[in-house]
Amino acid sequence: MFDFLDLSNNVLVKIAMIFFAIFLTINIIYLSIVSLINRDITVLKKHPILFTVETLLIGFGCGSIIFLIIYNRGQINTWNTIDYILLSLRLSVVSLLMQFSGVYTYMFS
């Protein structure tokens, strides 16, 4: 009845990673287009240092959860560290695009 549940965990994880990568790519493209249209930089002009700290905290704070998982499993190596840094930078870019597209202004106003 539920034949799709017979897939191994590795296959399900690979499928989930592919869907996540596709979703993130579509999200970045969409937010880039909306950012070019809206160009909401009011917070950046009013509070540039706070804006920079906020963006870095969102990126590296969310990415640090993954780093803690890697650390707890004893899998720290060069590639995992590079993956952590790249994930943190991706999250920072998404945060920037959300700010410039006006999502945060709409949500928090």
C-alpha atoms as a PDB file:
ATOM      1  CA  MET A   1       0.000   0.000   0.000  1.00  0.00           C
ATOM      2  CA  PHE A   2       2.722   2.485   0.970  1.00  0.00           C
ATOM      3  CA  ASP A   3       5.517   1.340  -1.341  1.00  0.00           C
ATOM      4  CA  PHE A   4       7.140   4.770  -1.372  1.00  0.00           C
ATOM      5  CA  LEU A   5       7.911   4.351   2.348  1.00  0.00           C
ATOM      6  CA  ASP A   6      10.190   1.399   1.547  1.00  0.00           C
ATOM      7  CA  LEU A   7      12.909   3.750   0.298  1.00  0.00           C
ATOM      8  CA  SER A   8      16.077   3.716   2.335  1.00  0.00           C
ATOM      9  CA  ASN A   9      16.938   6.676   4.524  1.00  0.00           C
ATOM     10  CA  ASN A  10      19.848   7.657   2.281  1.00  0.00           C
ATOM     11  CA  VAL A  11      17.576   7.975  -0.736  1.00  0.00           C
ATOM     12  CA  LEU A  12      15.051  10.049   1.196  1.00  0.00           C
ATOM     13  CA  VAL A  13      17.792  12.338   2.492  1.00  0.00           C
ATOM     14  CA  LYS A  14      19.200  12.826  -1.010  1.00  0.00           C
ATOM     15  CA  ILE A  15      15.732  13.630  -2.362  1.00  0.00           C
ATOM     16  CA  ALA A  16      15.143  16.106   0.477  1.00  0.00           C
ATOM     17  CA  MET A  17      18.511  17.771  -0.153  1.00  0.00           C
ATOM     18  CA  ILE A  18      17.737  18.138  -3.854  1.00  0.00           C
ATOM     19  CA  PHE A  19      14.332  19.682  -3.097  1.00  0.00           C
ATOM     20  CA  PHE A  20      15.920  22.022  -0.540  1.00  0.00           C
ATOM     21  CA  ALA A  21      18.560  23.147  -3.048  1.00  0.00           C
ATOM     22  CA  ILE A  22      15.914  23.747  -5.714  1.00  0.00           C
ATOM     23  CA  PHE A  23      13.693  25.646  -3.255  1.00  0.00           C
ATOM     24  CA  LEU A  24      16.595  27.803  -2.067  1.00  0.00           C
ATOM     25  CA  THR A  25      17.644  28.605  -5.632  1.00  0.00           C
ATOM     26  CA  ILE A  26      14.103  29.586  -6.639  1.00  0.00           C
ATOM     27  CA  ASN A  27      13.807  31.640  -3.440  1.00  0.00           C
ATOM     28  CA  ILE A  28      17.037  33.530  -4.142  1.00  0.00           C
ATOM     29  CA  ILE A  29      16.061  34.226  -7.763  1.00  0.00           C
ATOM     30  CA  TYR A  30      12.601  35.452  -6.762  1.00  0.00           C
ATOM     31  CA  LEU A  31      13.898  37.646  -3.938  1.00  0.00           C
ATOM     32  CA  SER A  32      16.609  39.062  -6.230  1.00  0.00           C
ATOM     33  CA  ILE A  33      14.005  40.140  -8.765  1.00  0.00           C
ATOM     34  CA  VAL A  34      11.755  41.669  -6.097  1.00  0.00           C
ATOM     35  CA  SER A  35      14.786  43.361  -4.485  1.00  0.00           C
ATOM     36  CA  LEU A  36      15.686  45.006  -7.774  1.00  0.00           C
ATOM     37  CA  ILE A  37      12.121  46.267  -8.095  1.00  0.00           C
ATOM     38  CA  ASN A  38      11.561  47.477  -4.492  1.00  0.00           C
ATOM     39  CA  ARG A  39      15.066  48.445  -3.316  1.00  0.00           C
ATOM     40  CA  ASP A  40      13.959  48.902   0.287  1.00  0.00           C
ATOM     41  CA  ILE A  41      17.105  50.245   1.981  1.00  0.00           C
ATOM     42  CA  THR A  42      15.493  52.439   4.636  1.00  0.00           C
ATOM     43  CA  VAL A  43      16.791  50.348   7.569  1.00  0.00           C
ATOM     44  CA  LEU A  44      20.252  50.193   5.994  1.00  0.00           C
ATOM     45  CA  LYS A  45      20.366  53.986   5.768  1.00  0.00           C
ATOM     46  CA  LYS A  46      19.002  54.566   9.294  1.00  0.00           C
ATOM     47  CA  HIS A  47      20.993  51.904  11.191  1.00  0.00           C
ATOM     48  CA  PRO A  48      23.892  50.556   9.095  1.00  0.00           C
ATOM     49  CA  ILE A  49      25.804  48.908  11.963  1.00  0.00           C
ATOM     50  CA  LEU A  50      22.705  47.297  13.455  1.00  0.00           C
ATOM     51  CA  PHE A  51      21.697  46.088   9.988  1.00  0.00           C
ATOM     52  CA  THR A  52      25.126  44.475   9.475  1.00  0.00           C
ATOM     53  CA  VAL A  53      25.065  42.790  12.885  1.00  0.00           C
ATOM     54  CA  GLU A  54      21.513  41.554  12.286  1.00  0.00           C
ATOM     55  CA  THR A  55      22.445  40.039   8.920  1.00  0.00           C
ATOM     56  CA  LEU A  56      25.519  38.296  10.324  1.00  0.00           C
ATOM     57  CA  LEU A  57      23.585  36.983  13.327  1.00  0.00           C
ATOM     58  CA  ILE A  58      20.873  35.545  11.123  1.00  0.00           C
ATOM     59  CA  GLY A  59      23.389  33.872   8.826  1.00  0.00           C
ATOM     60  CA  PHE A  60      25.933  32.551  11.276  1.00  0.00           C
ATOM     61  CA  GLY A  61      23.457  32.034  14.114  1.00  0.00           C
ATOM     62  CA  CYS A  62      21.251  29.733  12.070  1.00  0.00           C
ATOM     63  CA  GLY A  63      24.280  28.064  10.520  1.00  0.00           C
ATOM     64  CA  SER A  64      25.806  27.433  13.938  1.00  0.00           C
ATOM     65  CA  ILE A  65      23.014  24.952  14.687  1.00  0.00           C
ATOM     66  CA  ILE A  66      24.335  22.770  11.877  1.00  0.00           C
ATOM     67  CA  PHE A  67      27.876  23.257  13.204  1.00  0.00           C
ATOM     68  CA  LEU A  68      26.768  22.048  16.650  1.00  0.00           C
ATOM     69  CA  ILE A  69      25.218  18.948  15.095  1.00  0.00           C
ATOM     70  CA  ILE A  70      28.480  18.238  13.249  1.00  0.00           C
ATOM     71  CA  TYR A  71      30.489  18.820  16.432  1.00  0.00           C
ATOM     72  CA  ASN A  72      28.280  16.563  18.568  1.00  0.00           C
ATOM     73  CA  ARG A  73      28.654  13.741  16.071  1.00  0.00           C
ATOM     74  CA  GLY A  74      32.438  14.109  15.969  1.00  0.00           C
ATOM     75  CA  GLN A  75      32.482  14.793  12.231  1.00  0.00           C
ATOM     76  CA  ILE A  76      34.415  18.069  12.180  1.00  0.00           C
ATOM     77  CA  ASN A  77      36.708  18.230   9.172  1.00  0.00           C
ATOM     78  CA  THR A  78      37.654  20.749   6.505  1.00  0.00           C
ATOM     79  CA  TRP A  79      34.728  19.994   4.190  1.00  0.00           C
ATOM     80  CA  ASN A  80      32.128  20.235   6.934  1.00  0.00           C
ATOM     81  CA  THR A  81      33.597  23.544   8.066  1.00  0.00           C
ATOM     82  CA  ILE A  82      33.443  24.852   4.501  1.00  0.00           C
ATOM     83  CA  ASP A  83      29.834  23.641   4.253  1.00  0.00           C
ATOM     84  CA  TYR A  84      29.020  25.510   7.480  1.00  0.00           C
ATOM     85  CA  ILE A  85      30.545  28.723   6.161  1.00  0.00           C
ATOM     86  CA  LEU A  86      28.759  28.412   2.804  1.00  0.00           C
ATOM     87  CA  LEU A  87      25.421  27.700   4.490  1.00  0.00           C
ATOM     88  CA  SER A  88      25.886  30.698   6.774  1.00  0.00           C
ATOM     89  CA  LEU A  89      26.689  32.927   3.797  1.00  0.00           C
ATOM     90  CA  ARG A  90      23.633  31.647   1.903  1.00  0.00           C
ATOM     91  CA  LEU A  91      21.405  32.411   4.871  1.00  0.00           C
ATOM     92  CA  SER A  92      22.950  35.882   5.148  1.00  0.00           C
ATOM     93  CA  VAL A  93      22.283  36.519   1.454  1.00  0.00           C
ATOM     94  CA  VAL A  94      18.661  35.390   1.848  1.00  0.00           C
ATOM     95  CA  SER A  95      18.318  37.744   4.825  1.00  0.00           C
ATOM     96  CA  LEU A  96      19.754  40.626   2.787  1.00  0.00           C
ATOM     97  CA  LEU A  97      17.430  39.893  -0.101  1.00  0.00           C
ATOM     98  CA  MET A  98      14.444  39.705   2.219  1.00  0.00           C
ATOM     99  CA  GLN A  99      15.365  43.125   3.623  1.00  0.00           C
ATOM    100  CA  PHE A 100      15.942  44.721   0.232  1.00  0.00           C
ATOM    101  CA  SER A 101      12.758  43.219  -1.220  1.00  0.00           C
ATOM    102  CA  GLY A 102      10.676  44.764   1.572  1.00  0.00           C
ATOM    103  CA  VAL A 103       9.599  41.522   3.254  1.00  0.00           C
ATOM    104  CA  TYR A 104      10.878  42.567   6.691  1.00  0.00           C
ATOM    105  CA  THR A 105       9.414  46.052   6.357  1.00  0.00           C
ATOM    106  CA  TYR A 106       6.037  44.546   5.544  1.00  0.00           C
ATOM    107  CA  MET A 107       6.222  41.904   8.299  1.00  0.00           C
ATOM    108  CA  PHE A 108       7.370  44.189  11.106  1.00  0.00           C
ATOM    109  CA  SER A 109       5.473  47.395  10.329  1.00  0.00           C
END
